[in-house]
């Protein structure tokens, strides 16, 4: 099992990924890290840097998607005094700040073509000019790029330089998504739970119930590790005891709006139609109609919650004790 400040995992896929990072770290060439959002591309870049011979030198990071294209050149290469309005003095860019070390360019598909040309020159010759300057600045920088975009397709479309793509992809490393790292999900969840419990001043972290653990492992995790961290921290914060029963995967959906009344395809369950809950005919018993409504709601909530009664209670907006009272009342019909 790998457990470092950079990464945690024990699955075969994750360990193979970590081994590739360790191997390429020793070769002083550009690396391209490809993966979905939330998979930890910056953590991978940090591992490459700190396992390389440059580990004592600066690691400078830039999220290219966070900058306006007009600011990209100055941010990367710096500028001379008077280069543009507001440039009162010379300013060093990220390349100079990373001299001797590593420059991590995240979301590099957002870099404009004219700036890509200057980056290519740095890769090939180690030199560039600041914005508004004519003096060549020499640097020794290893570039590690990251993206979730299809760079070869962008190169075919003419919006990313093929020459730069070739130079940056000495090694292309794909970060495995969390849904393919089944053995790591609970390991990561317990790690995040422990950290959240400590942040809240708790002496011990709550455990996940078998039902909650099963739901964690079955979730598709489209937001990857970042999404898992949010779900677990929210669960620890909301937990009332030492065991986590409830998981809130979508905080924007209130419990009463959860799809507890529908099947997997969004259609009502065949044995629990809306008519069953609302149908009434003159002369019918009011008590009997209420009983049918209660049983139908309990049955649907239990089905959606995979028979976890605490989750079902939350979906119905009831306390656990209220739910248990209704369940005991209709036990024969529900079992």
C-alpha atoms as a PDB file:
ATOM      1  CA  UNK A   1       0.000   0.000   0.000  1.00  0.00           C
ATOM      2  CA  UNK A   2       1.167   3.515  -0.818  1.00  0.00           C
ATOM      3  CA  UNK A   3       0.434   6.183   1.805  1.00  0.00           C
ATOM      4  CA  UNK A   4       2.283   9.446   1.428  1.00  0.00           C
ATOM      5  CA  UNK A   5       1.305  13.103   1.790  1.00  0.00           C
ATOM      6  CA  UNK A   6       0.848  13.116  -2.000  1.00  0.00           C
ATOM      7  CA  UNK A   7      -1.350  10.071  -2.532  1.00  0.00           C
ATOM      8  CA  UNK A   8      -3.154   7.202  -0.863  1.00  0.00           C
ATOM      9  CA  UNK A   9      -4.083   3.942  -2.539  1.00  0.00           C
ATOM     10  CA  UNK A  10      -3.623   0.191  -2.587  1.00  0.00           C
ATOM     11  CA  UNK A  11      -5.342  -0.933  -5.799  1.00  0.00           C
ATOM     12  CA  UNK A  12      -3.212  -2.560  -8.481  1.00  0.00           C
ATOM     13  CA  UNK A  13      -4.126   0.174 -10.967  1.00  0.00           C
ATOM     14  CA  UNK A  14      -3.134   2.961  -8.571  1.00  0.00           C
ATOM     15  CA  UNK A  15       0.157   1.344  -7.606  1.00  0.00           C
ATOM     16  CA  UNK A  16       1.081   0.917 -11.285  1.00  0.00           C
ATOM     17  CA  UNK A  17       0.290   4.596 -11.853  1.00  0.00           C
ATOM     18  CA  UNK A  18       2.494   5.633  -8.933  1.00  0.00           C
ATOM     19  CA  UNK A  19       5.326   3.470 -10.259  1.00  0.00           C
ATOM     20  CA  UNK A  20       5.148   5.232 -13.636  1.00  0.00           C
ATOM     21  CA  UNK A  21       5.391   8.608 -11.895  1.00  0.00           C
ATOM     22  CA  UNK A  22       8.412   7.454  -9.905  1.00  0.00           C
ATOM     23  CA  UNK A  23      10.140   6.103 -12.996  1.00  0.00           C
ATOM     24  CA  UNK A  24       9.682   9.206 -15.145  1.00  0.00           C
ATOM     25  CA  UNK A  25      10.645  11.513 -12.265  1.00  0.00           C
ATOM     26  CA  UNK A  26      14.284  10.419 -12.653  1.00  0.00           C
ATOM     27  CA  UNK A  27      14.396  11.399 -16.343  1.00  0.00           C
ATOM     28  CA  UNK A  28      14.733  15.152 -16.797  1.00  0.00           C
ATOM     29  CA  UNK A  29      12.217  15.532 -19.620  1.00  0.00           C
ATOM     30  CA  UNK A  30       8.761  17.136 -20.032  1.00  0.00           C
ATOM     31  CA  UNK A  31       5.801  15.061 -18.876  1.00  0.00           C
ATOM     32  CA  UNK A  32       2.124  15.316 -19.810  1.00  0.00           C
ATOM     33  CA  UNK A  33      -0.437  14.199 -17.212  1.00  0.00           C
ATOM     34  CA  UNK A  34      -3.902  13.416 -18.583  1.00  0.00           C
ATOM     35  CA  UNK A  35      -6.971  12.747 -16.485  1.00  0.00           C
ATOM     36  CA  UNK A  36     -10.476  13.762 -15.494  1.00  0.00           C
ATOM     37  CA  UNK A  37     -11.185  16.631 -13.134  1.00  0.00           C
ATOM     38  CA  UNK A  38     -10.657  15.795  -9.481  1.00  0.00           C
ATOM     39  CA  UNK A  39      -8.300  12.863 -10.063  1.00  0.00           C
ATOM     40  CA  UNK A  40      -5.263  14.581  -8.543  1.00  0.00           C
ATOM     41  CA  UNK A  41      -3.166  15.705 -11.510  1.00  0.00           C
ATOM     42  CA  UNK A  42      -1.373  18.348  -9.449  1.00  0.00           C
ATOM     43  CA  UNK A  43      -0.531  15.745  -6.799  1.00  0.00           C
ATOM     44  CA  UNK A  44       0.992  13.622  -9.566  1.00  0.00           C
ATOM     45  CA  UNK A  45       3.075  16.584 -10.721  1.00  0.00           C
ATOM     46  CA  UNK A  46       4.293  17.144  -7.164  1.00  0.00           C
ATOM     47  CA  UNK A  47       5.373  13.523  -6.910  1.00  0.00           C
ATOM     48  CA  UNK A  48       7.363  13.859 -10.126  1.00  0.00           C
ATOM     49  CA  UNK A  49       9.079  17.004  -8.864  1.00  0.00           C
ATOM     50  CA  UNK A  50       9.957  15.763  -5.381  1.00  0.00           C
ATOM     51  CA  UNK A  51      11.316  12.469  -6.678  1.00  0.00           C
ATOM     52  CA  UNK A  52      13.473  14.217  -9.277  1.00  0.00           C
ATOM     53  CA  UNK A  53      16.941  15.696  -8.968  1.00  0.00           C
ATOM     54  CA  UNK A  54      15.262  19.116  -8.875  1.00  0.00           C
ATOM     55  CA  UNK A  55      13.463  18.423  -5.593  1.00  0.00           C
ATOM     56  CA  UNK A  56      15.315  21.139  -3.664  1.00  0.00           C
ATOM     57  CA  UNK A  57      14.517  23.764  -6.300  1.00  0.00           C
ATOM     58  CA  UNK A  58      11.201  25.623  -6.806  1.00  0.00           C
ATOM     59  CA  UNK A  59       8.000  23.934  -7.905  1.00  0.00           C
ATOM     60  CA  UNK A  60       5.863  26.656  -9.502  1.00  0.00           C
ATOM     61  CA  UNK A  61       2.262  25.971 -10.552  1.00  0.00           C
ATOM     62  CA  UNK A  62      -0.073  27.877 -12.859  1.00  0.00           C
ATOM     63  CA  UNK A  63      -3.714  27.096 -13.601  1.00  0.00           C
ATOM     64  CA  UNK A  64      -3.959  28.293 -17.193  1.00  0.00           C
ATOM     65  CA  UNK A  65      -7.768  28.166 -17.152  1.00  0.00           C
ATOM     66  CA  UNK A  66      -7.860  30.792 -14.384  1.00  0.00           C
ATOM     67  CA  UNK A  67      -6.171  33.487 -16.473  1.00  0.00           C
ATOM     68  CA  UNK A  68      -7.524  35.676 -19.256  1.00  0.00           C
ATOM     69  CA  UNK A  69      -5.648  34.905 -22.508  1.00  0.00           C
ATOM     70  CA  UNK A  70      -4.385  38.502 -22.639  1.00  0.00           C
ATOM     71  CA  UNK A  71      -2.590  38.030 -19.297  1.00  0.00           C
ATOM     72  CA  UNK A  72      -1.043  34.634 -20.038  1.00  0.00           C
ATOM     73  CA  UNK A  73       2.137  35.849 -21.738  1.00  0.00           C
ATOM     74  CA  UNK A  74       3.009  38.323 -18.982  1.00  0.00           C
ATOM     75  CA  UNK A  75       2.235  35.776 -16.274  1.00  0.00           C
ATOM     76  CA  UNK A  76       4.522  33.155 -17.799  1.00  0.00           C
ATOM     77  CA  UNK A  77       7.362  35.303 -19.104  1.00  0.00           C
ATOM     78  CA  UNK A  78       7.160  38.499 -17.079  1.00  0.00           C
ATOM     79  CA  UNK A  79       7.318  42.034 -18.462  1.00  0.00           C
ATOM     80  CA  UNK A  80       9.536  45.084 -18.602  1.00  0.00           C
ATOM     81  CA  UNK A  81       8.623  48.413 -17.077  1.00  0.00           C
ATOM     82  CA  UNK A  82       6.362  50.357 -19.419  1.00  0.00           C
ATOM     83  CA  UNK A  83       5.479  47.280 -21.499  1.00  0.00           C
ATOM     84  CA  UNK A  84       1.785  48.135 -21.140  1.00  0.00           C
ATOM     85  CA  UNK A  85      -0.465  50.389 -19.113  1.00  0.00           C
ATOM     86  CA  UNK A  86       0.050  49.675 -15.438  1.00  0.00           C
ATOM     87  CA  UNK A  87       3.457  48.021 -15.885  1.00  0.00           C
ATOM     88  CA  UNK A  88       5.337  50.416 -13.608  1.00  0.00           C
ATOM     89  CA  UNK A  89       8.326  48.135 -13.080  1.00  0.00           C
ATOM     90  CA  UNK A  90       9.956  44.964 -14.320  1.00  0.00           C
ATOM     91  CA  UNK A  91       8.225  41.784 -13.176  1.00  0.00           C
ATOM     92  CA  UNK A  92       9.490  38.215 -13.279  1.00  0.00           C
ATOM     93  CA  UNK A  93       7.208  35.561 -14.740  1.00  0.00           C
ATOM     94  CA  UNK A  94       6.574  31.962 -13.727  1.00  0.00           C
ATOM     95  CA  UNK A  95       9.419  30.624 -15.878  1.00  0.00           C
ATOM     96  CA  UNK A  96      11.986  32.757 -14.072  1.00  0.00           C
ATOM     97  CA  UNK A  97      10.451  31.862 -10.701  1.00  0.00           C
ATOM     98  CA  UNK A  98      10.830  28.159 -11.559  1.00  0.00           C
ATOM     99  CA  UNK A  99      14.434  28.444 -12.771  1.00  0.00           C
ATOM    100  CA  UNK A 100      16.302  25.306 -11.730  1.00  0.00           C
ATOM    101  CA  UNK A 101      13.081  23.575 -10.757  1.00  0.00           C
ATOM    102  CA  UNK A 102       9.746  22.511 -12.239  1.00  0.00           C
ATOM    103  CA  UNK A 103       6.926  24.503 -13.816  1.00  0.00           C
ATOM    104  CA  UNK A 104       3.524  22.804 -13.585  1.00  0.00           C
ATOM    105  CA  UNK A 105       1.087  24.047 -16.227  1.00  0.00           C
ATOM    106  CA  UNK A 106      -2.404  22.868 -15.362  1.00  0.00           C
ATOM    107  CA  UNK A 107      -5.205  23.048 -17.952  1.00  0.00           C
ATOM    108  CA  UNK A 108      -2.631  23.854 -20.620  1.00  0.00           C
ATOM    109  CA  UNK A 109      -5.217  23.485 -23.406  1.00  0.00           C
ATOM    110  CA  UNK A 110      -6.272  27.045 -22.496  1.00  0.00           C
ATOM    111  CA  UNK A 111      -2.931  28.562 -23.540  1.00  0.00           C
ATOM    112  CA  UNK A 112      -3.263  30.804 -26.646  1.00  0.00           C
ATOM    113  CA  UNK A 113      -1.336  29.823 -29.776  1.00  0.00           C
ATOM    114  CA  UNK A 114       1.003  32.820 -29.674  1.00  0.00           C
ATOM    115  CA  UNK A 115       2.011  31.917 -26.112  1.00  0.00           C
ATOM    116  CA  UNK A 116       2.429  28.266 -27.090  1.00  0.00           C
ATOM    117  CA  UNK A 117       5.066  29.389 -29.604  1.00  0.00           C
ATOM    118  CA  UNK A 118       7.093  31.072 -26.847  1.00  0.00           C
ATOM    119  CA  UNK A 119       6.796  28.000 -24.616  1.00  0.00           C
ATOM    120  CA  UNK A 120       8.073  25.834 -27.460  1.00  0.00           C
ATOM    121  CA  UNK A 121      11.098  28.123 -27.763  1.00  0.00           C
ATOM    122  CA  UNK A 122      11.814  27.723 -24.041  1.00  0.00           C
ATOM    123  CA  UNK A 123      11.579  23.931 -24.357  1.00  0.00           C
ATOM    124  CA  UNK A 124      13.922  23.875 -27.343  1.00  0.00           C
ATOM    125  CA  UNK A 125      16.429  26.609 -26.479  1.00  0.00           C
ATOM    126  CA  UNK A 126      15.843  27.505 -22.809  1.00  0.00           C
ATOM    127  CA  UNK A 127      15.352  31.205 -23.625  1.00  0.00           C
ATOM    128  CA  UNK A 128      12.658  33.845 -24.027  1.00  0.00           C
ATOM    129  CA  UNK A 129      12.092  37.610 -23.895  1.00  0.00           C
ATOM    130  CA  UNK A 130       9.922  39.314 -21.347  1.00  0.00           C
ATOM    131  CA  UNK A 131       6.876  41.185 -22.657  1.00  0.00           C
ATOM    132  CA  UNK A 132       8.099  44.561 -23.921  1.00  0.00           C
ATOM    133  CA  UNK A 133      11.758  43.492 -23.788  1.00  0.00           C
ATOM    134  CA  UNK A 134      14.442  42.432 -26.246  1.00  0.00           C
ATOM    135  CA  UNK A 135      16.955  40.861 -23.867  1.00  0.00           C
ATOM    136  CA  UNK A 136      17.053  37.053 -23.902  1.00  0.00           C
ATOM    137  CA  UNK A 137      16.432  35.424 -20.529  1.00  0.00           C
ATOM    138  CA  UNK A 138      17.897  31.931 -20.074  1.00  0.00           C
ATOM    139  CA  UNK A 139      16.261  29.443 -17.691  1.00  0.00           C
ATOM    140  CA  UNK A 140      16.598  25.773 -16.795  1.00  0.00           C
ATOM    141  CA  UNK A 141      13.044  24.579 -16.208  1.00  0.00           C
ATOM    142  CA  UNK A 142      11.372  21.190 -16.444  1.00  0.00           C
ATOM    143  CA  UNK A 143       7.781  21.463 -17.659  1.00  0.00           C
ATOM    144  CA  UNK A 144       5.042  19.168 -16.395  1.00  0.00           C
ATOM    145  CA  UNK A 145       1.725  19.799 -18.121  1.00  0.00           C
ATOM    146  CA  UNK A 146      -1.754  18.541 -17.241  1.00  0.00           C
ATOM    147  CA  UNK A 147      -5.066  18.490 -19.059  1.00  0.00           C
ATOM    148  CA  UNK A 148      -8.414  16.766 -19.292  1.00  0.00           C
ATOM    149  CA  UNK A 149      -8.752  17.808 -22.936  1.00  0.00           C
ATOM    150  CA  UNK A 150      -8.028  15.756 -26.045  1.00  0.00           C
ATOM    151  CA  UNK A 151      -4.836  17.540 -27.097  1.00  0.00           C
ATOM    152  CA  UNK A 152      -4.261  15.466 -30.280  1.00  0.00           C
ATOM    153  CA  UNK A 153      -7.760  16.455 -31.420  1.00  0.00           C
ATOM    154  CA  UNK A 154      -7.038  20.096 -30.606  1.00  0.00           C
ATOM    155  CA  UNK A 155      -3.810  19.837 -32.594  1.00  0.00           C
ATOM    156  CA  UNK A 156      -5.738  18.436 -35.569  1.00  0.00           C
ATOM    157  CA  UNK A 157      -8.136  21.382 -35.255  1.00  0.00           C
ATOM    158  CA  UNK A 158      -5.237  23.827 -35.303  1.00  0.00           C
ATOM    159  CA  UNK A 159      -5.780  25.264 -31.819  1.00  0.00           C
ATOM    160  CA  UNK A 160      -2.828  23.513 -30.196  1.00  0.00           C
ATOM    161  CA  UNK A 161       0.635  23.365 -31.716  1.00  0.00           C
ATOM    162  CA  UNK A 162       1.583  19.884 -32.860  1.00  0.00           C
ATOM    163  CA  UNK A 163       5.286  20.631 -32.314  1.00  0.00           C
ATOM    164  CA  UNK A 164       4.654  21.696 -28.720  1.00  0.00           C
ATOM    165  CA  UNK A 165       2.487  18.647 -28.085  1.00  0.00           C
ATOM    166  CA  UNK A 166       5.262  16.400 -29.367  1.00  0.00           C
ATOM    167  CA  UNK A 167       7.869  18.096 -27.167  1.00  0.00           C
ATOM    168  CA  UNK A 168       5.730  18.026 -24.003  1.00  0.00           C
ATOM    169  CA  UNK A 169       4.744  14.376 -24.394  1.00  0.00           C
ATOM    170  CA  UNK A 170       8.081  12.663 -23.780  1.00  0.00           C
ATOM    171  CA  UNK A 171       5.913  10.623 -21.395  1.00  0.00           C
ATOM    172  CA  UNK A 172       2.115  10.740 -21.230  1.00  0.00           C
ATOM    173  CA  UNK A 173       0.691   9.460 -17.966  1.00  0.00           C
ATOM    174  CA  UNK A 174      -3.020   8.831 -17.502  1.00  0.00           C
ATOM    175  CA  UNK A 175      -4.429   9.326 -13.994  1.00  0.00           C
ATOM    176  CA  UNK A 176      -6.926   6.529 -13.275  1.00  0.00           C
ATOM    177  CA  UNK A 177     -10.427   7.751 -12.321  1.00  0.00           C
ATOM    178  CA  UNK A 178     -11.693   6.815  -8.873  1.00  0.00           C
ATOM    179  CA  UNK A 179     -14.448   4.550 -10.232  1.00  0.00           C
ATOM    180  CA  UNK A 180     -11.723   2.237 -11.590  1.00  0.00           C
ATOM    181  CA  UNK A 181      -9.894   2.152  -8.233  1.00  0.00           C
ATOM    182  CA  UNK A 182     -12.450   0.093  -6.322  1.00  0.00           C
ATOM    183  CA  UNK A 183     -10.053  -1.067  -3.603  1.00  0.00           C
ATOM    184  CA  UNK A 184      -9.110   2.531  -2.817  1.00  0.00           C
ATOM    185  CA  UNK A 185     -12.537   4.089  -2.242  1.00  0.00           C
ATOM    186  CA  UNK A 186     -13.050   3.022   1.381  1.00  0.00           C
ATOM    187  CA  UNK A 187      -9.373   3.584   2.174  1.00  0.00           C
ATOM    188  CA  UNK A 188      -9.641   7.178   0.968  1.00  0.00           C
ATOM    189  CA  UNK A 189     -13.015   7.652   2.641  1.00  0.00           C
ATOM    190  CA  UNK A 190     -11.634   6.624   6.046  1.00  0.00           C
ATOM    191  CA  UNK A 191      -8.636   8.902   5.518  1.00  0.00           C
ATOM    192  CA  UNK A 192     -10.868  11.900   4.773  1.00  0.00           C
ATOM    193  CA  UNK A 193     -13.159  10.996   7.676  1.00  0.00           C
ATOM    194  CA  UNK A 194     -10.229  10.947  10.101  1.00  0.00           C
ATOM    195  CA  UNK A 195      -9.021  14.354   8.937  1.00  0.00           C
ATOM    196  CA  UNK A 196     -12.502  15.880   9.178  1.00  0.00           C
ATOM    197  CA  UNK A 197     -13.038  14.432  12.641  1.00  0.00           C
ATOM    198  CA  UNK A 198      -9.730  15.916  13.801  1.00  0.00           C
ATOM    199  CA  UNK A 199     -10.665  19.279  12.311  1.00  0.00           C
ATOM    200  CA  UNK A 200     -13.911  19.173  14.294  1.00  0.00           C
ATOM    201  CA  UNK A 201     -12.029  18.344  17.498  1.00  0.00           C
ATOM    202  CA  UNK A 202     -13.300  14.779  17.717  1.00  0.00           C
ATOM    203  CA  UNK A 203     -11.056  12.232  19.392  1.00  0.00           C
ATOM    204  CA  UNK A 204     -11.979   9.462  16.940  1.00  0.00           C
ATOM    205  CA  UNK A 205     -13.382   9.251  13.436  1.00  0.00           C
ATOM    206  CA  UNK A 206     -16.812   7.660  12.892  1.00  0.00           C
ATOM    207  CA  UNK A 207     -16.944   4.384  10.999  1.00  0.00           C
ATOM    208  CA  UNK A 208     -19.077   3.709   7.934  1.00  0.00           C
ATOM    209  CA  UNK A 209     -21.972   1.298   8.319  1.00  0.00           C
ATOM    210  CA  UNK A 210     -21.964  -1.663   5.901  1.00  0.00           C
ATOM    211  CA  UNK A 211     -24.787  -0.012   3.956  1.00  0.00           C
ATOM    212  CA  UNK A 212     -22.932   3.311   3.728  1.00  0.00           C
ATOM    213  CA  UNK A 213     -19.720   1.558   2.680  1.00  0.00           C
ATOM    214  CA  UNK A 214     -21.604  -0.306  -0.049  1.00  0.00           C
ATOM    215  CA  UNK A 215     -23.094   2.942  -1.337  1.00  0.00           C
ATOM    216  CA  UNK A 216     -19.645   4.564  -1.442  1.00  0.00           C
ATOM    217  CA  UNK A 217     -18.257   1.701  -3.510  1.00  0.00           C
ATOM    218  CA  UNK A 218     -21.257   1.652  -5.867  1.00  0.00           C
ATOM    219  CA  UNK A 219     -21.295   5.405  -6.592  1.00  0.00           C
ATOM    220  CA  UNK A 220     -19.965   6.420 -10.065  1.00  0.00           C
ATOM    221  CA  UNK A 221     -17.806   9.288  -8.664  1.00  0.00           C
ATOM    222  CA  UNK A 222     -17.929  11.568 -11.673  1.00  0.00           C
ATOM    223  CA  UNK A 223     -16.121  14.177  -9.569  1.00  0.00           C
ATOM    224  CA  UNK A 224     -13.485  11.612  -8.559  1.00  0.00           C
ATOM    225  CA  UNK A 225     -11.412  12.069  -5.385  1.00  0.00           C
ATOM    226  CA  UNK A 226     -12.539  15.675  -4.932  1.00  0.00           C
ATOM    227  CA  UNK A 227     -16.184  14.569  -4.905  1.00  0.00           C
ATOM    228  CA  UNK A 228     -15.467  11.703  -2.490  1.00  0.00           C
ATOM    229  CA  UNK A 229     -13.737  14.103  -0.097  1.00  0.00           C
ATOM    230  CA  UNK A 230     -16.741  16.432  -0.088  1.00  0.00           C
ATOM    231  CA  UNK A 231     -19.243  13.603   0.478  1.00  0.00           C
ATOM    232  CA  UNK A 232     -17.236  12.106   3.342  1.00  0.00           C
ATOM    233  CA  UNK A 233     -16.562  15.411   5.091  1.00  0.00           C
ATOM    234  CA  UNK A 234     -20.258  16.268   4.896  1.00  0.00           C
ATOM    235  CA  UNK A 235     -21.173  12.857   6.324  1.00  0.00           C
ATOM    236  CA  UNK A 236     -18.783  13.261   9.270  1.00  0.00           C
ATOM    237  CA  UNK A 237     -20.136  16.727   9.969  1.00  0.00           C
ATOM    238  CA  UNK A 238     -23.736  15.458   9.932  1.00  0.00           C
ATOM    239  CA  UNK A 239     -23.134  12.189  11.819  1.00  0.00           C
ATOM    240  CA  UNK A 240     -24.856  12.006  15.204  1.00  0.00           C
ATOM    241  CA  UNK A 241     -22.868   9.089  16.598  1.00  0.00           C
ATOM    242  CA  UNK A 242     -19.813   6.951  15.945  1.00  0.00           C
ATOM    243  CA  UNK A 243     -21.267   5.285  12.845  1.00  0.00           C
ATOM    244  CA  UNK A 244     -22.038   6.984   9.542  1.00  0.00           C
ATOM    245  CA  UNK A 245     -25.336   5.731   8.147  1.00  0.00           C
ATOM    246  CA  UNK A 246     -26.349   8.608   5.881  1.00  0.00           C
ATOM    247  CA  UNK A 247     -24.549   9.865   2.784  1.00  0.00           C
ATOM    248  CA  UNK A 248     -25.601  12.965   0.881  1.00  0.00           C
ATOM    249  CA  UNK A 249     -24.251  12.723  -2.646  1.00  0.00           C
ATOM    250  CA  UNK A 250     -26.138  15.744  -3.961  1.00  0.00           C
ATOM    251  CA  UNK A 251     -26.416  18.602  -1.442  1.00  0.00           C
ATOM    252  CA  UNK A 252     -28.513  20.616  -3.902  1.00  0.00           C
ATOM    253  CA  UNK A 253     -31.351  18.080  -3.832  1.00  0.00           C
ATOM    254  CA  UNK A 254     -33.477  18.345  -0.679  1.00  0.00           C
ATOM    255  CA  UNK A 255     -34.647  15.044   0.851  1.00  0.00           C
ATOM    256  CA  UNK A 256     -38.224  15.523  -0.310  1.00  0.00           C
ATOM    257  CA  UNK A 257     -37.013  15.961  -3.893  1.00  0.00           C
ATOM    258  CA  UNK A 258     -34.918  12.789  -3.891  1.00  0.00           C
ATOM    259  CA  UNK A 259     -36.012  10.266  -6.547  1.00  0.00           C
ATOM    260  CA  UNK A 260     -37.427   7.930  -3.911  1.00  0.00           C
ATOM    261  CA  UNK A 261     -40.758   7.669  -5.728  1.00  0.00           C
ATOM    262  CA  UNK A 262     -39.241   6.578  -9.030  1.00  0.00           C
ATOM    263  CA  UNK A 263     -37.311   3.662 -10.406  1.00  0.00           C
ATOM    264  CA  UNK A 264     -33.908   3.701 -12.006  1.00  0.00           C
ATOM    265  CA  UNK A 265     -35.289   5.002 -15.319  1.00  0.00           C
ATOM    266  CA  UNK A 266     -37.358   7.764 -13.726  1.00  0.00           C
ATOM    267  CA  UNK A 267     -40.681   5.892 -14.031  1.00  0.00           C
ATOM    268  CA  UNK A 268     -42.931   4.973 -11.085  1.00  0.00           C
ATOM    269  CA  UNK A 269     -42.494   1.444  -9.760  1.00  0.00           C
ATOM    270  CA  UNK A 270     -45.131  -0.837 -11.217  1.00  0.00           C
ATOM    271  CA  UNK A 271     -46.423  -1.957  -7.823  1.00  0.00           C
ATOM    272  CA  UNK A 272     -46.496   1.579  -6.377  1.00  0.00           C
ATOM    273  CA  UNK A 273     -48.278   3.857  -8.817  1.00  0.00           C
ATOM    274  CA  UNK A 274     -49.335   7.375  -7.842  1.00  0.00           C
ATOM    275  CA  UNK A 275     -52.964   6.271  -8.116  1.00  0.00           C
ATOM    276  CA  UNK A 276     -52.372   3.755  -5.361  1.00  0.00           C
ATOM    277  CA  UNK A 277     -51.498   6.568  -2.995  1.00  0.00           C
ATOM    278  CA  UNK A 278     -54.259   8.998  -3.945  1.00  0.00           C
ATOM    279  CA  UNK A 279     -57.198   6.873  -5.091  1.00  0.00           C
ATOM    280  CA  UNK A 280     -60.313   7.140  -2.940  1.00  0.00           C
ATOM    281  CA  UNK A 281     -63.932   6.224  -3.560  1.00  0.00           C
ATOM    282  CA  UNK A 282     -67.031   7.313  -1.627  1.00  0.00           C
ATOM    283  CA  UNK A 283     -67.695   5.028   1.291  1.00  0.00           C
ATOM    284  CA  UNK A 284     -64.073   3.881   1.562  1.00  0.00           C
ATOM    285  CA  UNK A 285     -62.469   4.010   4.979  1.00  0.00           C
ATOM    286  CA  UNK A 286     -60.400   7.130   5.625  1.00  0.00           C
ATOM    287  CA  UNK A 287     -58.213   5.135   8.003  1.00  0.00           C
ATOM    288  CA  UNK A 288     -57.623   2.495   5.349  1.00  0.00           C
ATOM    289  CA  UNK A 289     -56.669   5.130   2.769  1.00  0.00           C
ATOM    290  CA  UNK A 290     -54.162   6.719   5.170  1.00  0.00           C
ATOM    291  CA  UNK A 291     -52.739   3.282   5.918  1.00  0.00           C
ATOM    292  CA  UNK A 292     -52.172   2.617   2.208  1.00  0.00           C
ATOM    293  CA  UNK A 293     -50.442   5.980   1.789  1.00  0.00           C
ATOM    294  CA  UNK A 294     -48.142   5.366   4.763  1.00  0.00           C
ATOM    295  CA  UNK A 295     -47.220   1.863   3.623  1.00  0.00           C
ATOM    296  CA  UNK A 296     -46.577   3.048   0.062  1.00  0.00           C
ATOM    297  CA  UNK A 297     -44.329   5.884   1.186  1.00  0.00           C
ATOM    298  CA  UNK A 298     -42.411   3.668   3.610  1.00  0.00           C
ATOM    299  CA  UNK A 299     -41.946   0.973   0.977  1.00  0.00           C
ATOM    300  CA  UNK A 300     -40.649   3.401  -1.638  1.00  0.00           C
ATOM    301  CA  UNK A 301     -38.284   5.138   0.745  1.00  0.00           C
ATOM    302  CA  UNK A 302     -36.885   1.793   1.907  1.00  0.00           C
ATOM    303  CA  UNK A 303     -36.381   0.640  -1.661  1.00  0.00           C
ATOM    304  CA  UNK A 304     -34.538   3.816  -2.622  1.00  0.00           C
ATOM    305  CA  UNK A 305     -32.420   3.641   0.549  1.00  0.00           C
ATOM    306  CA  UNK A 306     -31.628  -0.044  -0.058  1.00  0.00           C
ATOM    307  CA  UNK A 307     -33.509  -0.857   3.149  1.00  0.00           C
ATOM    308  CA  UNK A 308     -31.333   1.376   5.304  1.00  0.00           C
ATOM    309  CA  UNK A 309     -33.944   2.707   7.698  1.00  0.00           C
ATOM    310  CA  UNK A 310     -31.954   5.758   8.753  1.00  0.00           C
ATOM    311  CA  UNK A 311     -31.522   6.826   5.134  1.00  0.00           C
ATOM    312  CA  UNK A 312     -35.208   6.127   4.421  1.00  0.00           C
ATOM    313  CA  UNK A 313     -36.226   8.282   7.401  1.00  0.00           C
ATOM    314  CA  UNK A 314     -34.128  11.156   6.108  1.00  0.00           C
ATOM    315  CA  UNK A 315     -35.635  10.862   2.618  1.00  0.00           C
ATOM    316  CA  UNK A 316     -39.102  11.197   4.139  1.00  0.00           C
ATOM    317  CA  UNK A 317     -38.124  14.120   6.374  1.00  0.00           C
ATOM    318  CA  UNK A 318     -38.707  12.052   9.528  1.00  0.00           C
ATOM    319  CA  UNK A 319     -36.560  11.425  12.556  1.00  0.00           C
ATOM    320  CA  UNK A 320     -35.313   7.883  12.926  1.00  0.00           C
ATOM    321  CA  UNK A 321     -37.635   7.322  15.904  1.00  0.00           C
ATOM    322  CA  UNK A 322     -40.648   8.584  13.931  1.00  0.00           C
ATOM    323  CA  UNK A 323     -39.767   6.241  11.096  1.00  0.00           C
ATOM    324  CA  UNK A 324     -39.344   3.278  13.462  1.00  0.00           C
ATOM    325  CA  UNK A 325     -42.771   3.957  14.942  1.00  0.00           C
ATOM    326  CA  UNK A 326     -44.401   3.865  11.526  1.00  0.00           C
ATOM    327  CA  UNK A 327     -42.379   0.817  10.524  1.00  0.00           C
ATOM    328  CA  UNK A 328     -43.516  -1.119  13.617  1.00  0.00           C
ATOM    329  CA  UNK A 329     -47.075  -0.051  12.910  1.00  0.00           C
ATOM    330  CA  UNK A 330     -46.984  -1.544   9.386  1.00  0.00           C
ATOM    331  CA  UNK A 331     -44.339  -4.241   9.888  1.00  0.00           C
ATOM    332  CA  UNK A 332     -46.484  -7.097   8.507  1.00  0.00           C
ATOM    333  CA  UNK A 333     -47.164  -5.235   5.255  1.00  0.00           C
ATOM    334  CA  UNK A 334     -43.545  -4.221   4.804  1.00  0.00           C
ATOM    335  CA  UNK A 335     -41.815  -7.535   5.519  1.00  0.00           C
END
